[in-house]
Amino acid sequence: MKTRNLVYGALLTALALVIPISFGGYLRIYIPPFSATLASHVPVFLAMLLGPFAAFFVGLGSTVGFLIIMGPVIAARAAVHIPVATVGAHLMKTRRFSFLMALLVVLPLHAVGEALIVIPFGFSLYDAGVVVGVGTALHHILDAAIAIGVYRLLLKSGALDSLELFSGGGQSIAR
C-alpha cells in the first residue's frame, strides 16, 4: 500500500469516527427502532477505492465510533460495514467493478446484514427485516449518492491522480 493511500485511509477512518460522535445529533434520523446517521457510510464507501485493507479498517473505525456514542446495537449494525466495504473493495480490485457497480452489489449484503444482526438483540422479524433492512437500503442509497458526488469532485480536482484506485480500471463511475 502506498504511503499516500495509507494516509487517506487514516483520514477516512478519522471521519468514520467523527461523523457519529460529533455530528450524530445533527445528522441522525430516528424512527424507532431504526436510526440512521446521514453521511456515516461515506468514508467507508470511499475507502473501497483504496482497497480491501483500507476498507476493512475504515469499517472498523465506523464501528468504534458508533459504539462510543450509540451503544452495542448500533455498533453491531455498524460492524456490518466491515464486510460490506471489504467485499466492495475486493470486487473493485479483482473483478474490476466500477465504484457504482460495487456499491450496488453490496447493497443487499448491507441491508440483510444489518437486519440479521439486530435479531439477537430482541428485534422482531418485522422490525429487523422491514424497518432496519429497508431503512438500511434507503440509507445506503443516499450515502452512496453522496460518496459518488465526492468521488466525482475529487476526480475533477485532480486530487486522486496520484492514488492507486480500484475503480474499474479507469476514471469511470459506471461502466
N, C-alpha and C. Protein backbone atom coordinates (compact mmCIF):
# COMPACT_ATOMS: atom_id res chain seq x y z
N MET A 1 0.85 -1.17 0.00
CA MET A 1 0.00 0.00 0.00
C MET A 1 0.90 1.24 0.00
N LYS A 2 0.61 2.16 -0.88
CA LYS A 2 1.39 3.39 -0.94
C LYS A 2 1.15 4.22 0.31
N THR A 3 2.16 4.99 0.68
CA THR A 3 2.06 5.84 1.87
C THR A 3 0.89 6.80 1.76
N ARG A 4 0.69 7.38 0.60
CA ARG A 4 -0.40 8.33 0.41
C ARG A 4 -1.75 7.64 0.62
N ASN A 5 -1.91 6.43 0.10
CA ASN A 5 -3.15 5.69 0.31
C ASN A 5 -3.36 5.39 1.79
N LEU A 6 -2.29 5.08 2.49
CA LEU A 6 -2.37 4.81 3.92
C LEU A 6 -2.85 6.06 4.67
N VAL A 7 -2.32 7.21 4.30
CA VAL A 7 -2.74 8.47 4.93
C VAL A 7 -4.21 8.75 4.63
N TYR A 8 -4.63 8.56 3.39
CA TYR A 8 -6.04 8.78 3.06
C TYR A 8 -6.94 7.79 3.81
N GLY A 9 -6.48 6.56 3.95
CA GLY A 9 -7.23 5.59 4.74
C GLY A 9 -7.36 6.02 6.19
N ALA A 10 -6.28 6.56 6.75
CA ALA A 10 -6.32 7.06 8.13
C ALA A 10 -7.27 8.25 8.26
N LEU A 11 -7.25 9.14 7.29
CA LEU A 11 -8.17 10.29 7.32
C LEU A 11 -9.62 9.83 7.20
N LEU A 12 -9.88 8.84 6.35
CA LEU A 12 -11.25 8.31 6.24
C LEU A 12 -11.67 7.61 7.52
N THR A 13 -10.73 6.94 8.19
CA THR A 13 -11.04 6.31 9.48
C THR A 13 -11.40 7.38 10.51
N ALA A 14 -10.64 8.47 10.52
CA ALA A 14 -10.95 9.57 11.43
C ALA A 14 -12.35 10.13 11.15
N LEU A 15 -12.69 10.30 9.89
CA LEU A 15 -14.04 10.76 9.54
C LEU A 15 -15.10 9.75 9.97
N ALA A 16 -14.82 8.47 9.80
CA ALA A 16 -15.78 7.44 10.20
C ALA A 16 -16.02 7.47 11.71
N LEU A 17 -15.03 7.89 12.48
CA LEU A 17 -15.19 8.06 13.92
C LEU A 17 -15.91 9.38 14.25
N VAL A 18 -15.53 10.45 13.59
CA VAL A 18 -16.04 11.78 13.91
C VAL A 18 -17.51 11.95 13.52
N ILE A 19 -17.93 11.39 12.41
CA ILE A 19 -19.31 11.61 11.96
C ILE A 19 -20.32 11.18 13.01
N PRO A 20 -20.28 9.95 13.54
CA PRO A 20 -21.27 9.61 14.56
C PRO A 20 -21.06 10.34 15.89
N ILE A 21 -19.80 10.56 16.25
CA ILE A 21 -19.52 11.17 17.56
C ILE A 21 -19.88 12.65 17.57
N SER A 22 -19.45 13.39 16.56
CA SER A 22 -19.64 14.84 16.57
C SER A 22 -20.91 15.32 15.87
N PHE A 23 -21.31 14.62 14.83
CA PHE A 23 -22.43 15.11 14.03
C PHE A 23 -23.69 14.26 14.16
N GLY A 24 -23.61 13.20 14.96
CA GLY A 24 -24.75 12.30 15.11
C GLY A 24 -26.02 13.00 15.53
N GLY A 25 -25.91 13.98 16.41
CA GLY A 25 -27.10 14.72 16.86
C GLY A 25 -27.74 15.54 15.76
N TYR A 26 -26.95 15.98 14.80
CA TYR A 26 -27.46 16.83 13.72
C TYR A 26 -27.89 16.01 12.50
N LEU A 27 -27.18 14.93 12.24
CA LEU A 27 -27.40 14.15 11.02
C LEU A 27 -28.20 12.87 11.25
N ARG A 28 -28.64 12.64 12.49
CA ARG A 28 -29.32 11.39 12.82
C ARG A 28 -30.81 11.48 12.51
N ILE A 29 -31.29 10.42 11.90
CA ILE A 29 -32.72 10.23 11.68
C ILE A 29 -33.12 9.07 12.58
N TYR A 30 -34.11 9.29 13.41
CA TYR A 30 -34.52 8.25 14.34
C TYR A 30 -36.01 7.98 14.19
N ILE A 31 -36.32 6.79 13.68
CA ILE A 31 -37.69 6.30 13.56
C ILE A 31 -37.68 4.95 14.25
N PRO A 32 -38.03 4.93 15.54
CA PRO A 32 -37.88 3.68 16.31
C PRO A 32 -38.47 2.47 15.61
N PRO A 33 -37.75 1.37 15.59
CA PRO A 33 -36.48 1.11 16.23
C PRO A 33 -35.29 1.41 15.32
N PHE A 34 -35.51 2.10 14.22
CA PHE A 34 -34.45 2.36 13.24
C PHE A 34 -33.81 3.72 13.50
N SER A 35 -32.51 3.78 13.31
CA SER A 35 -31.81 5.06 13.33
C SER A 35 -30.79 5.05 12.20
N ALA A 36 -30.54 6.22 11.68
CA ALA A 36 -29.54 6.37 10.62
C ALA A 36 -28.85 7.70 10.80
N THR A 37 -27.55 7.71 10.64
CA THR A 37 -26.78 8.95 10.67
C THR A 37 -26.34 9.23 9.24
N LEU A 38 -26.93 10.27 8.65
CA LEU A 38 -26.63 10.60 7.26
C LEU A 38 -25.13 10.84 7.09
N ALA A 39 -24.60 10.37 6.00
CA ALA A 39 -23.19 10.50 5.60
C ALA A 39 -22.26 9.57 6.37
N SER A 40 -22.79 8.75 7.28
CA SER A 40 -21.91 7.87 8.05
C SER A 40 -21.26 6.77 7.21
N HIS A 41 -21.88 6.42 6.08
CA HIS A 41 -21.29 5.40 5.21
C HIS A 41 -20.30 5.98 4.21
N VAL A 42 -20.29 7.27 4.05
CA VAL A 42 -19.46 7.89 3.01
C VAL A 42 -17.98 7.57 3.18
N PRO A 43 -17.37 7.71 4.37
CA PRO A 43 -15.95 7.35 4.48
C PRO A 43 -15.71 5.87 4.18
N VAL A 44 -16.63 5.02 4.62
CA VAL A 44 -16.49 3.58 4.38
C VAL A 44 -16.56 3.29 2.89
N PHE A 45 -17.51 3.91 2.21
CA PHE A 45 -17.65 3.69 0.77
C PHE A 45 -16.42 4.22 0.02
N LEU A 46 -15.94 5.41 0.38
CA LEU A 46 -14.76 5.96 -0.29
C LEU A 46 -13.52 5.10 -0.04
N ALA A 47 -13.44 4.48 1.13
CA ALA A 47 -12.30 3.61 1.43
C ALA A 47 -12.24 2.41 0.51
N MET A 48 -13.38 2.01 -0.05
CA MET A 48 -13.39 0.90 -1.00
C MET A 48 -12.49 1.21 -2.20
N LEU A 49 -12.35 2.48 -2.52
CA LEU A 49 -11.50 2.89 -3.64
C LEU A 49 -10.02 2.65 -3.35
N LEU A 50 -9.66 2.58 -2.08
CA LEU A 50 -8.26 2.39 -1.69
C LEU A 50 -7.88 0.92 -1.56
N GLY A 51 -8.86 0.04 -1.52
CA GLY A 51 -8.58 -1.39 -1.44
C GLY A 51 -9.16 -2.04 -0.20
N PRO A 52 -9.13 -3.37 -0.16
CA PRO A 52 -9.74 -4.12 0.95
C PRO A 52 -9.14 -3.81 2.32
N PHE A 53 -7.84 -3.61 2.40
CA PHE A 53 -7.20 -3.34 3.68
C PHE A 53 -7.74 -2.04 4.28
N ALA A 54 -7.72 -0.97 3.50
CA ALA A 54 -8.22 0.32 3.97
C ALA A 54 -9.71 0.24 4.27
N ALA A 55 -10.47 -0.43 3.42
CA ALA A 55 -11.91 -0.56 3.62
C ALA A 55 -12.22 -1.26 4.95
N PHE A 56 -11.46 -2.32 5.24
CA PHE A 56 -11.65 -3.05 6.48
C PHE A 56 -11.45 -2.13 7.68
N PHE A 57 -10.36 -1.37 7.70
CA PHE A 57 -10.05 -0.54 8.86
C PHE A 57 -10.96 0.67 8.99
N VAL A 58 -11.41 1.23 7.88
CA VAL A 58 -12.36 2.34 7.97
C VAL A 58 -13.70 1.81 8.50
N GLY A 59 -14.11 0.62 8.06
CA GLY A 59 -15.31 -0.01 8.62
C GLY A 59 -15.18 -0.25 10.11
N LEU A 60 -14.01 -0.68 10.54
CA LEU A 60 -13.75 -0.88 11.96
C LEU A 60 -13.84 0.45 12.72
N GLY A 61 -13.30 1.50 12.15
CA GLY A 61 -13.40 2.83 12.76
C GLY A 61 -14.84 3.28 12.90
N SER A 62 -15.64 3.02 11.89
CA SER A 62 -17.06 3.34 11.94
C SER A 62 -17.73 2.60 13.09
N THR A 63 -17.38 1.33 13.26
CA THR A 63 -17.96 0.53 14.34
C THR A 63 -17.61 1.12 15.70
N VAL A 64 -16.36 1.49 15.88
CA VAL A 64 -15.91 2.06 17.16
C VAL A 64 -16.63 3.39 17.42
N GLY A 65 -16.75 4.22 16.40
CA GLY A 65 -17.44 5.50 16.55
C GLY A 65 -18.87 5.32 17.02
N PHE A 66 -19.58 4.38 16.42
CA PHE A 66 -20.96 4.13 16.83
C PHE A 66 -21.04 3.46 18.20
N LEU A 67 -20.07 2.64 18.55
CA LEU A 67 -20.06 2.03 19.88
C LEU A 67 -19.91 3.10 20.96
N ILE A 68 -19.05 4.06 20.72
CA ILE A 68 -18.81 5.13 21.71
C ILE A 68 -20.08 5.93 21.95
N ILE A 69 -20.80 6.26 20.90
CA ILE A 69 -21.91 7.21 21.03
C ILE A 69 -23.29 6.55 21.12
N MET A 70 -23.47 5.37 20.51
CA MET A 70 -24.81 4.80 20.40
C MET A 70 -25.01 3.46 21.10
N GLY A 71 -23.95 2.81 21.52
CA GLY A 71 -24.11 1.55 22.23
C GLY A 71 -24.00 0.32 21.34
N PRO A 72 -24.21 -0.87 21.94
CA PRO A 72 -23.91 -2.13 21.26
C PRO A 72 -24.81 -2.48 20.07
N VAL A 73 -26.08 -2.12 20.10
CA VAL A 73 -26.96 -2.50 18.98
C VAL A 73 -26.55 -1.76 17.71
N ILE A 74 -26.39 -0.47 17.82
CA ILE A 74 -25.99 0.32 16.64
C ILE A 74 -24.56 -0.03 16.24
N ALA A 75 -23.70 -0.31 17.22
CA ALA A 75 -22.32 -0.72 16.90
C ALA A 75 -22.32 -2.05 16.15
N ALA A 76 -23.20 -2.96 16.53
CA ALA A 76 -23.29 -4.24 15.82
C ALA A 76 -23.73 -4.00 14.38
N ARG A 77 -24.69 -3.09 14.20
CA ARG A 77 -25.10 -2.75 12.83
C ARG A 77 -23.94 -2.13 12.07
N ALA A 78 -23.19 -1.25 12.73
CA ALA A 78 -22.04 -0.61 12.08
C ALA A 78 -20.96 -1.62 11.75
N ALA A 79 -20.87 -2.70 12.54
CA ALA A 79 -19.86 -3.74 12.26
C ALA A 79 -20.11 -4.40 10.91
N VAL A 80 -21.33 -4.33 10.42
CA VAL A 80 -21.64 -4.86 9.09
C VAL A 80 -20.91 -4.06 8.02
N HIS A 81 -20.51 -2.82 8.33
CA HIS A 81 -19.76 -2.00 7.37
C HIS A 81 -18.42 -2.66 7.02
N ILE A 82 -17.87 -3.44 7.94
CA ILE A 82 -16.57 -4.06 7.70
C ILE A 82 -16.63 -5.04 6.52
N PRO A 83 -17.52 -6.06 6.55
CA PRO A 83 -17.56 -6.95 5.38
C PRO A 83 -18.11 -6.28 4.13
N VAL A 84 -19.04 -5.35 4.30
CA VAL A 84 -19.61 -4.66 3.13
C VAL A 84 -18.50 -3.91 2.38
N ALA A 85 -17.72 -3.13 3.10
CA ALA A 85 -16.66 -2.34 2.46
C ALA A 85 -15.55 -3.24 1.91
N THR A 86 -15.21 -4.29 2.67
CA THR A 86 -14.15 -5.20 2.23
C THR A 86 -14.56 -5.94 0.97
N VAL A 87 -15.79 -6.42 0.93
CA VAL A 87 -16.28 -7.11 -0.28
C VAL A 87 -16.34 -6.13 -1.46
N GLY A 88 -16.84 -4.93 -1.23
CA GLY A 88 -16.90 -3.93 -2.30
C GLY A 88 -15.53 -3.61 -2.86
N ALA A 89 -14.56 -3.43 -1.98
CA ALA A 89 -13.19 -3.14 -2.42
C ALA A 89 -12.61 -4.33 -3.18
N HIS A 90 -12.89 -5.53 -2.69
CA HIS A 90 -12.40 -6.74 -3.37
C HIS A 90 -13.00 -6.85 -4.78
N LEU A 91 -14.28 -6.54 -4.91
CA LEU A 91 -14.92 -6.57 -6.24
C LEU A 91 -14.28 -5.56 -7.18
N MET A 92 -13.93 -4.40 -6.65
CA MET A 92 -13.30 -3.39 -7.49
C MET A 92 -11.88 -3.78 -7.87
N LYS A 93 -11.18 -4.41 -6.95
CA LYS A 93 -9.79 -4.77 -7.20
C LYS A 93 -9.66 -5.99 -8.11
N THR A 94 -10.39 -7.05 -7.82
CA THR A 94 -10.20 -8.30 -8.55
C THR A 94 -11.13 -8.46 -9.74
N ARG A 95 -12.34 -7.96 -9.61
CA ARG A 95 -13.31 -8.11 -10.70
C ARG A 95 -13.42 -6.87 -11.57
N ARG A 96 -12.69 -5.82 -11.18
CA ARG A 96 -12.67 -4.57 -11.93
C ARG A 96 -14.04 -3.91 -12.02
N PHE A 97 -14.85 -4.08 -10.96
CA PHE A 97 -16.14 -3.41 -10.90
C PHE A 97 -15.92 -1.91 -10.79
N SER A 98 -16.82 -1.14 -11.37
CA SER A 98 -16.78 0.31 -11.17
C SER A 98 -17.23 0.60 -9.74
N PHE A 99 -16.98 1.79 -9.28
CA PHE A 99 -17.39 2.21 -7.93
C PHE A 99 -18.90 2.07 -7.78
N LEU A 100 -19.65 2.57 -8.76
CA LEU A 100 -21.10 2.48 -8.72
C LEU A 100 -21.57 1.03 -8.67
N MET A 101 -21.01 0.19 -9.50
CA MET A 101 -21.42 -1.22 -9.54
C MET A 101 -21.12 -1.91 -8.21
N ALA A 102 -19.96 -1.64 -7.64
CA ALA A 102 -19.62 -2.24 -6.35
C ALA A 102 -20.60 -1.78 -5.27
N LEU A 103 -20.96 -0.50 -5.28
CA LEU A 103 -21.93 0.00 -4.30
C LEU A 103 -23.29 -0.67 -4.48
N LEU A 104 -23.69 -0.90 -5.69
CA LEU A 104 -24.98 -1.57 -5.95
C LEU A 104 -24.95 -3.04 -5.53
N VAL A 105 -23.85 -3.71 -5.80
CA VAL A 105 -23.75 -5.14 -5.49
C VAL A 105 -23.74 -5.37 -3.98
N VAL A 106 -23.09 -4.50 -3.21
CA VAL A 106 -23.03 -4.71 -1.76
C VAL A 106 -24.27 -4.21 -1.03
N LEU A 107 -25.16 -3.51 -1.71
CA LEU A 107 -26.37 -3.00 -1.07
C LEU A 107 -27.18 -4.12 -0.39
N PRO A 108 -27.49 -5.23 -1.07
CA PRO A 108 -28.25 -6.29 -0.38
C PRO A 108 -27.50 -6.89 0.81
N LEU A 109 -26.18 -7.06 0.66
CA LEU A 109 -25.37 -7.57 1.78
C LEU A 109 -25.48 -6.63 2.98
N HIS A 110 -25.44 -5.35 2.73
CA HIS A 110 -25.53 -4.33 3.77
C HIS A 110 -26.90 -4.38 4.46
N ALA A 111 -27.97 -4.34 3.67
CA ALA A 111 -29.32 -4.31 4.24
C ALA A 111 -29.65 -5.60 4.99
N VAL A 112 -29.37 -6.73 4.40
CA VAL A 112 -29.66 -8.02 5.05
C VAL A 112 -28.77 -8.21 6.27
N GLY A 113 -27.51 -7.82 6.16
CA GLY A 113 -26.59 -7.95 7.29
C GLY A 113 -27.05 -7.15 8.50
N GLU A 114 -27.45 -5.91 8.28
CA GLU A 114 -27.91 -5.09 9.40
C GLU A 114 -29.24 -5.60 9.94
N ALA A 115 -30.09 -6.14 9.08
CA ALA A 115 -31.36 -6.70 9.56
C ALA A 115 -31.13 -7.93 10.42
N LEU A 116 -30.23 -8.81 9.99
CA LEU A 116 -29.97 -10.04 10.75
C LEU A 116 -29.24 -9.79 12.06
N ILE A 117 -28.36 -8.81 12.07
CA ILE A 117 -27.52 -8.58 13.26
C ILE A 117 -28.33 -8.07 14.45
N VAL A 118 -29.51 -7.48 14.21
CA VAL A 118 -30.30 -6.95 15.33
C VAL A 118 -31.25 -7.98 15.94
N ILE A 119 -31.46 -9.10 15.27
CA ILE A 119 -32.38 -10.12 15.80
C ILE A 119 -31.95 -10.62 17.18
N PRO A 120 -30.67 -10.93 17.43
CA PRO A 120 -30.28 -11.37 18.78
C PRO A 120 -30.52 -10.31 19.87
N PHE A 121 -30.71 -9.06 19.48
CA PHE A 121 -30.97 -8.00 20.45
C PHE A 121 -32.46 -7.85 20.76
N GLY A 122 -33.28 -8.79 20.25
CA GLY A 122 -34.70 -8.79 20.58
C GLY A 122 -35.61 -8.11 19.57
N PHE A 123 -35.09 -7.76 18.41
CA PHE A 123 -35.93 -7.15 17.38
C PHE A 123 -36.84 -8.22 16.79
N SER A 124 -38.08 -7.86 16.51
CA SER A 124 -38.99 -8.79 15.84
C SER A 124 -38.54 -8.94 14.39
N LEU A 125 -39.03 -9.98 13.73
CA LEU A 125 -38.68 -10.17 12.32
C LEU A 125 -39.15 -9.00 11.47
N TYR A 126 -40.32 -8.43 11.82
CA TYR A 126 -40.82 -7.27 11.08
C TYR A 126 -39.88 -6.08 11.27
N ASP A 127 -39.56 -5.78 12.54
CA ASP A 127 -38.67 -4.64 12.81
C ASP A 127 -37.30 -4.84 12.18
N ALA A 128 -36.78 -6.06 12.28
CA ALA A 128 -35.45 -6.34 11.71
C ALA A 128 -35.49 -6.26 10.20
N GLY A 129 -36.43 -6.97 9.59
CA GLY A 129 -36.46 -7.06 8.13
C GLY A 129 -36.95 -5.82 7.44
N VAL A 130 -38.12 -5.35 7.86
CA VAL A 130 -38.73 -4.22 7.15
C VAL A 130 -38.14 -2.90 7.61
N VAL A 131 -38.16 -2.67 8.92
CA VAL A 131 -37.73 -1.36 9.41
C VAL A 131 -36.22 -1.18 9.26
N VAL A 132 -35.44 -2.12 9.79
CA VAL A 132 -33.98 -1.98 9.72
C VAL A 132 -33.47 -2.30 8.32
N GLY A 133 -33.92 -3.39 7.74
CA GLY A 133 -33.44 -3.80 6.41
C GLY A 133 -33.75 -2.78 5.33
N VAL A 134 -35.01 -2.38 5.23
CA VAL A 134 -35.40 -1.40 4.21
C VAL A 134 -34.80 -0.03 4.53
N GLY A 135 -34.80 0.33 5.81
CA GLY A 135 -34.19 1.60 6.21
C GLY A 135 -32.72 1.66 5.85
N THR A 136 -32.02 0.56 6.09
CA THR A 136 -30.60 0.50 5.74
C THR A 136 -30.40 0.61 4.24
N ALA A 137 -31.24 -0.06 3.46
CA ALA A 137 -31.12 0.02 1.99
C ALA A 137 -31.29 1.47 1.52
N LEU A 138 -32.29 2.16 2.07
CA LEU A 138 -32.50 3.57 1.68
C LEU A 138 -31.33 4.45 2.13
N HIS A 139 -30.84 4.20 3.34
CA HIS A 139 -29.69 4.94 3.84
C HIS A 139 -28.45 4.67 2.99
N HIS A 140 -28.26 3.43 2.58
CA HIS A 140 -27.14 3.05 1.71
C HIS A 140 -27.22 3.84 0.40
N ILE A 141 -28.40 3.91 -0.19
CA ILE A 141 -28.58 4.61 -1.47
C ILE A 141 -28.24 6.10 -1.31
N LEU A 142 -28.74 6.73 -0.24
CA LEU A 142 -28.45 8.15 -0.02
C LEU A 142 -26.95 8.40 0.16
N ASP A 143 -26.33 7.59 1.01
CA ASP A 143 -24.90 7.78 1.26
C ASP A 143 -24.05 7.40 0.05
N ALA A 144 -24.49 6.44 -0.74
CA ALA A 144 -23.78 6.09 -1.97
C ALA A 144 -23.81 7.27 -2.95
N ALA A 145 -24.95 7.95 -3.03
CA ALA A 145 -25.06 9.12 -3.90
C ALA A 145 -24.09 10.22 -3.44
N ILE A 146 -24.00 10.42 -2.13
CA ILE A 146 -23.06 11.41 -1.60
C ILE A 146 -21.62 10.99 -1.91
N ALA A 147 -21.30 9.71 -1.69
CA ALA A 147 -19.94 9.21 -1.94
C ALA A 147 -19.57 9.35 -3.41
N ILE A 148 -20.49 9.06 -4.30
CA ILE A 148 -20.22 9.21 -5.73
C ILE A 148 -20.00 10.69 -6.08
N GLY A 149 -20.79 11.57 -5.48
CA GLY A 149 -20.60 13.01 -5.68
C GLY A 149 -19.23 13.46 -5.22
N VAL A 150 -18.81 13.02 -4.05
CA VAL A 150 -17.49 13.37 -3.52
C VAL A 150 -16.40 12.81 -4.44
N TYR A 151 -16.58 11.57 -4.86
CA TYR A 151 -15.62 10.92 -5.76
C TYR A 151 -15.47 11.72 -7.06
N ARG A 152 -16.59 12.12 -7.64
CA ARG A 152 -16.54 12.91 -8.88
C ARG A 152 -15.83 14.24 -8.67
N LEU A 153 -16.12 14.90 -7.53
CA LEU A 153 -15.44 16.17 -7.24
C LEU A 153 -13.93 15.97 -7.09
N LEU A 154 -13.53 14.90 -6.42
CA LEU A 154 -12.11 14.62 -6.25
C LEU A 154 -11.44 14.30 -7.58
N LEU A 155 -12.16 13.60 -8.46
CA LEU A 155 -11.61 13.32 -9.78
C LEU A 155 -11.40 14.61 -10.57
N LYS A 156 -12.42 15.49 -10.56
CA LYS A 156 -12.33 16.74 -11.31
C LYS A 156 -11.21 17.63 -10.78
N SER A 157 -11.00 17.60 -9.47
CA SER A 157 -9.97 18.46 -8.88
C SER A 157 -8.57 17.94 -9.13
N GLY A 158 -8.46 16.68 -9.53
CA GLY A 158 -7.15 16.08 -9.74
C GLY A 158 -6.54 15.51 -8.47
N ALA A 159 -7.28 15.55 -7.38
CA ALA A 159 -6.76 15.08 -6.09
C ALA A 159 -6.49 13.58 -6.08
N LEU A 160 -7.12 12.84 -6.97
CA LEU A 160 -6.97 11.39 -6.97
C LEU A 160 -5.93 10.89 -7.97
N ASP A 161 -5.30 11.80 -8.69
CA ASP A 161 -4.37 11.39 -9.74
C ASP A 161 -3.22 10.53 -9.24
N SER A 162 -2.74 10.80 -8.04
CA SER A 162 -1.57 10.08 -7.55
C SER A 162 -1.93 8.87 -6.70
N LEU A 163 -3.21 8.58 -6.58
CA LEU A 163 -3.62 7.43 -5.79
C LEU A 163 -3.78 6.20 -6.66
N GLU A 164 -3.52 5.07 -6.08
CA GLU A 164 -3.77 3.81 -6.76
C GLU A 164 -5.19 3.38 -6.39
N LEU A 165 -6.13 3.68 -7.29
CA LEU A 165 -7.55 3.41 -7.01
C LEU A 165 -8.01 2.13 -7.70
N PHE A 166 -8.96 1.51 -7.09
CA PHE A 166 -9.58 0.31 -7.67
C PHE A 166 -10.98 0.69 -8.13
N SER A 167 -11.08 1.41 -9.22
CA SER A 167 -12.37 1.91 -9.68
C SER A 167 -12.67 1.39 -11.08
N GLY A 168 -12.62 0.12 -11.25
CA GLY A 168 -12.98 -0.45 -12.52
C GLY A 168 -11.93 -0.25 -13.59
N GLY A 169 -10.71 0.04 -13.19
CA GLY A 169 -9.63 0.16 -14.15
C GLY A 169 -9.52 1.51 -14.80
N GLY A 170 -10.34 2.46 -14.40
CA GLY A 170 -10.25 3.77 -15.02
C GLY A 170 -10.97 4.79 -14.18
N GLN A 171 -11.24 5.93 -14.79
CA GLN A 171 -11.86 7.02 -14.07
C GLN A 171 -13.39 6.98 -14.14
N SER A 172 -13.95 5.97 -14.78
CA SER A 172 -15.40 5.96 -14.97
C SER A 172 -16.12 5.52 -13.70
N ILE A 173 -17.25 6.13 -13.46
CA ILE A 173 -18.10 5.77 -12.31
C ILE A 173 -18.90 4.53 -12.66
N ALA A 174 -19.54 4.55 -13.80
CA ALA A 174 -20.36 3.41 -14.21
C ALA A 174 -19.85 2.89 -15.54
N ARG A 175 -19.56 1.60 -15.60
CA ARG A 175 -19.08 1.01 -16.86
C ARG A 175 -20.20 0.27 -17.53
